[in-house]
Amino acid sequence: MRLLKFLVVIVLLAFLALTGYAYLGDMAPRQQEMRQPVALDTGAPAPVAAAPAPETAPPANDAATEEPASENAEETETNGLD
């Protein structure tokens, strides 16, 4: 029984020591100034926007297999991510 109490006390002291070191120890990261040259391509002309593709009619599907269009179909297609 004394051995068990001794182990519990040692574990508690180790936990307190670890907690104290975490709060009081010097654990700050080393900071160092770094300079690295960056090549910027400023002499190139601005990119030209591509012409929009002409819209084509969607292929005909069977009406039985086609799902009904939702009310927000137009909103989901024009999300601005294209």
N, C-alpha and C. Protein backbone atom coordinates (compact mmCIF):
# COMPACT_ATOMS: atom_id res chain seq x y z
N MET A 1 0.82 -1.19 0.00
CA MET A 1 0.00 0.00 0.00
C MET A 1 0.87 1.26 0.00
N ARG A 2 2.00 1.18 0.73
CA ARG A 2 2.90 2.34 0.77
C ARG A 2 3.53 2.59 -0.60
N LEU A 3 3.80 1.53 -1.33
CA LEU A 3 4.38 1.68 -2.65
C LEU A 3 3.40 2.37 -3.60
N LEU A 4 2.14 2.05 -3.50
CA LEU A 4 1.11 2.67 -4.34
C LEU A 4 0.99 4.17 -4.02
N LYS A 5 1.00 4.51 -2.74
CA LYS A 5 0.95 5.92 -2.35
C LYS A 5 2.19 6.65 -2.85
N PHE A 6 3.32 6.02 -2.78
CA PHE A 6 4.56 6.63 -3.25
C PHE A 6 4.50 6.90 -4.76
N LEU A 7 3.98 5.93 -5.53
CA LEU A 7 3.85 6.12 -6.97
C LEU A 7 2.86 7.23 -7.31
N VAL A 8 1.76 7.32 -6.58
CA VAL A 8 0.78 8.38 -6.82
C VAL A 8 1.40 9.74 -6.53
N VAL A 9 2.17 9.86 -5.46
CA VAL A 9 2.82 11.12 -5.12
C VAL A 9 3.84 11.48 -6.19
N ILE A 10 4.61 10.53 -6.66
CA ILE A 10 5.61 10.80 -7.70
C ILE A 10 4.93 11.24 -9.00
N VAL A 11 3.83 10.61 -9.37
CA VAL A 11 3.11 10.99 -10.59
C VAL A 11 2.54 12.40 -10.45
N LEU A 12 1.98 12.73 -9.28
CA LEU A 12 1.46 14.07 -9.07
C LEU A 12 2.56 15.12 -9.10
N LEU A 13 3.70 14.83 -8.49
CA LEU A 13 4.82 15.77 -8.53
C LEU A 13 5.34 15.95 -9.95
N ALA A 14 5.40 14.87 -10.72
CA ALA A 14 5.84 14.97 -12.10
C ALA A 14 4.87 15.82 -12.92
N PHE A 15 3.58 15.64 -12.69
CA PHE A 15 2.58 16.45 -13.40
C PHE A 15 2.70 17.92 -13.02
N LEU A 16 2.89 18.21 -11.74
CA LEU A 16 3.06 19.60 -11.31
C LEU A 16 4.34 20.19 -11.89
N ALA A 17 5.41 19.43 -11.95
CA ALA A 17 6.66 19.92 -12.53
C ALA A 17 6.49 20.20 -14.01
N LEU A 18 5.82 19.35 -14.72
CA LEU A 18 5.57 19.56 -16.14
C LEU A 18 4.70 20.79 -16.37
N THR A 19 3.67 20.96 -15.55
CA THR A 19 2.81 22.13 -15.66
C THR A 19 3.59 23.41 -15.37
N GLY A 20 4.41 23.39 -14.34
CA GLY A 20 5.24 24.56 -14.01
C GLY A 20 6.21 24.89 -15.12
N TYR A 21 6.81 23.89 -15.71
CA TYR A 21 7.75 24.12 -16.82
C TYR A 21 7.02 24.70 -18.04
N ALA A 22 5.80 24.23 -18.28
CA ALA A 22 5.05 24.73 -19.42
C ALA A 22 4.71 26.21 -19.24
N TYR A 23 4.40 26.62 -18.02
CA TYR A 23 4.06 28.01 -17.78
C TYR A 23 5.28 28.90 -17.61
N LEU A 24 6.31 28.40 -16.99
CA LEU A 24 7.45 29.24 -16.63
C LEU A 24 8.67 29.01 -17.50
N GLY A 25 8.73 27.92 -18.21
CA GLY A 25 9.89 27.60 -19.01
C GLY A 25 10.00 28.49 -20.23
N ASP A 26 11.20 28.60 -20.78
CA ASP A 26 11.43 29.40 -21.97
C ASP A 26 11.09 28.56 -23.19
N MET A 27 9.85 28.66 -23.63
CA MET A 27 9.40 27.85 -24.75
C MET A 27 9.09 28.70 -25.97
N ALA A 28 9.62 29.92 -26.03
CA ALA A 28 9.36 30.79 -27.17
C ALA A 28 10.16 30.30 -28.37
N PRO A 29 9.60 30.38 -29.57
CA PRO A 29 10.33 29.94 -30.75
C PRO A 29 11.43 30.94 -31.10
N ARG A 30 12.50 30.44 -31.70
CA ARG A 30 13.56 31.33 -32.16
C ARG A 30 13.05 32.10 -33.36
N GLN A 31 13.26 33.41 -33.32
CA GLN A 31 12.83 34.23 -34.43
C GLN A 31 14.06 34.72 -35.17
N GLN A 32 13.97 34.71 -36.48
CA GLN A 32 15.09 35.09 -37.32
C GLN A 32 14.55 35.80 -38.55
N GLU A 33 15.16 36.93 -38.89
CA GLU A 33 14.73 37.65 -40.08
C GLU A 33 15.24 36.92 -41.31
N MET A 34 14.32 36.73 -42.26
CA MET A 34 14.70 36.06 -43.50
C MET A 34 14.32 36.97 -44.66
N ARG A 35 15.25 37.15 -45.57
CA ARG A 35 14.98 37.93 -46.77
C ARG A 35 15.27 37.06 -47.97
N GLN A 36 14.31 37.02 -48.87
CA GLN A 36 14.45 36.20 -50.06
C GLN A 36 13.94 37.01 -51.25
N PRO A 37 14.74 37.14 -52.30
CA PRO A 37 14.28 37.92 -53.45
C PRO A 37 13.13 37.21 -54.17
N VAL A 38 12.21 38.04 -54.66
CA VAL A 38 11.05 37.52 -55.38
C VAL A 38 11.06 38.13 -56.78
N ALA A 39 10.98 37.31 -57.81
CA ALA A 39 10.96 37.78 -59.18
C ALA A 39 9.52 38.05 -59.59
N LEU A 40 9.22 39.32 -59.89
CA LEU A 40 7.88 39.69 -60.35
C LEU A 40 7.91 39.93 -61.84
N ASP A 41 6.97 39.36 -62.56
CA ASP A 41 6.91 39.52 -64.01
C ASP A 41 6.05 40.75 -64.31
N THR A 42 6.61 41.94 -64.12
CA THR A 42 5.84 43.17 -64.31
C THR A 42 5.88 43.69 -65.73
N GLY A 43 6.77 43.17 -66.59
CA GLY A 43 6.88 43.65 -67.95
C GLY A 43 5.94 42.98 -68.92
N ALA A 44 5.23 41.96 -68.49
CA ALA A 44 4.34 41.22 -69.39
C ALA A 44 3.04 41.97 -69.57
N PRO A 45 2.43 41.89 -70.76
CA PRO A 45 1.14 42.54 -70.96
C PRO A 45 0.05 41.84 -70.14
N ALA A 46 -0.98 42.58 -69.86
CA ALA A 46 -2.09 42.03 -69.07
C ALA A 46 -2.76 40.91 -69.85
N PRO A 47 -3.20 39.85 -69.17
CA PRO A 47 -3.86 38.75 -69.87
C PRO A 47 -5.20 39.21 -70.45
N VAL A 48 -5.53 38.68 -71.62
CA VAL A 48 -6.77 39.02 -72.30
C VAL A 48 -7.83 38.00 -71.90
N ALA A 49 -9.01 38.50 -71.56
CA ALA A 49 -10.10 37.61 -71.16
C ALA A 49 -10.56 36.80 -72.37
N ALA A 50 -10.84 35.54 -72.15
CA ALA A 50 -11.30 34.67 -73.23
C ALA A 50 -12.73 35.01 -73.60
N ALA A 51 -13.06 34.85 -74.87
CA ALA A 51 -14.43 35.10 -75.34
C ALA A 51 -15.34 34.02 -74.79
N PRO A 52 -16.56 34.38 -74.37
CA PRO A 52 -17.47 33.36 -73.83
C PRO A 52 -17.89 32.39 -74.92
N ALA A 53 -18.05 31.15 -74.54
CA ALA A 53 -18.45 30.11 -75.48
C ALA A 53 -19.93 30.27 -75.80
N PRO A 54 -20.31 30.01 -77.04
CA PRO A 54 -21.73 30.12 -77.40
C PRO A 54 -22.52 29.01 -76.69
N GLU A 55 -23.72 29.39 -76.28
CA GLU A 55 -24.55 28.41 -75.58
C GLU A 55 -25.21 27.48 -76.60
N THR A 56 -25.22 26.21 -76.26
CA THR A 56 -25.87 25.23 -77.13
C THR A 56 -27.03 24.61 -76.37
N ALA A 57 -27.98 24.08 -77.10
CA ALA A 57 -29.14 23.45 -76.47
C ALA A 57 -28.70 22.14 -75.84
N PRO A 58 -29.22 21.82 -74.65
CA PRO A 58 -28.87 20.55 -74.01
C PRO A 58 -29.45 19.39 -74.80
N PRO A 59 -28.83 18.22 -74.74
CA PRO A 59 -29.36 17.06 -75.47
C PRO A 59 -30.73 16.67 -74.93
N ALA A 60 -31.56 16.16 -75.81
CA ALA A 60 -32.92 15.77 -75.43
C ALA A 60 -32.86 14.49 -74.60
N ASN A 61 -33.56 14.49 -73.47
CA ASN A 61 -33.65 13.31 -72.59
C ASN A 61 -35.11 12.88 -72.50
N ASP A 62 -35.32 11.66 -72.07
CA ASP A 62 -36.68 11.20 -71.84
C ASP A 62 -37.27 11.97 -70.67
N ALA A 63 -38.52 12.35 -70.77
CA ALA A 63 -39.18 13.12 -69.71
C ALA A 63 -39.35 12.29 -68.45
N ALA A 64 -39.46 10.97 -68.59
CA ALA A 64 -39.67 10.11 -67.42
C ALA A 64 -38.41 10.03 -66.56
N THR A 65 -37.24 10.06 -67.17
CA THR A 65 -36.01 9.93 -66.39
C THR A 65 -35.47 11.26 -65.93
N GLU A 66 -35.98 12.35 -66.47
CA GLU A 66 -35.47 13.67 -66.10
C GLU A 66 -36.12 14.13 -64.80
N GLU A 67 -35.29 14.67 -63.89
CA GLU A 67 -35.82 15.18 -62.64
C GLU A 67 -36.40 16.56 -62.88
N PRO A 68 -37.43 16.91 -62.13
CA PRO A 68 -38.01 18.25 -62.31
C PRO A 68 -37.02 19.32 -61.85
N ALA A 69 -37.04 20.45 -62.55
CA ALA A 69 -36.14 21.55 -62.21
C ALA A 69 -36.60 22.20 -60.92
N SER A 70 -35.65 22.57 -60.10
CA SER A 70 -36.00 23.21 -58.84
C SER A 70 -36.24 24.69 -59.07
N GLU A 71 -36.80 25.35 -58.06
CA GLU A 71 -37.11 26.77 -58.18
C GLU A 71 -35.81 27.60 -58.24
N ASN A 72 -34.75 27.12 -57.62
CA ASN A 72 -33.50 27.86 -57.54
C ASN A 72 -32.49 27.41 -58.58
N ALA A 73 -32.95 26.83 -59.67
CA ALA A 73 -32.03 26.29 -60.67
C ALA A 73 -31.17 27.39 -61.27
N GLU A 74 -31.75 28.54 -61.52
CA GLU A 74 -30.99 29.63 -62.13
C GLU A 74 -29.94 30.16 -61.16
N GLU A 75 -30.27 30.21 -59.87
CA GLU A 75 -29.34 30.71 -58.87
C GLU A 75 -28.15 29.77 -58.72
N THR A 76 -28.38 28.48 -58.79
CA THR A 76 -27.27 27.54 -58.60
C THR A 76 -26.35 27.50 -59.80
N GLU A 77 -26.86 27.79 -60.98
CA GLU A 77 -26.02 27.75 -62.17
C GLU A 77 -25.16 29.00 -62.29
N THR A 78 -25.62 30.12 -61.82
CA THR A 78 -24.86 31.37 -61.93
C THR A 78 -24.25 31.71 -60.58
N ASN A 79 -23.27 30.94 -60.15
CA ASN A 79 -22.66 31.18 -58.86
C ASN A 79 -21.40 32.03 -58.95
N GLY A 80 -20.95 32.39 -60.12
CA GLY A 80 -19.79 33.25 -60.26
C GLY A 80 -18.47 32.53 -60.09
N LEU A 81 -18.46 31.22 -60.01
CA LEU A 81 -17.24 30.48 -59.81
C LEU A 81 -16.64 29.99 -61.13
N ASP A 82 -17.32 30.15 -62.23
CA ASP A 82 -16.82 29.66 -63.51
C ASP A 82 -15.80 30.60 -64.07
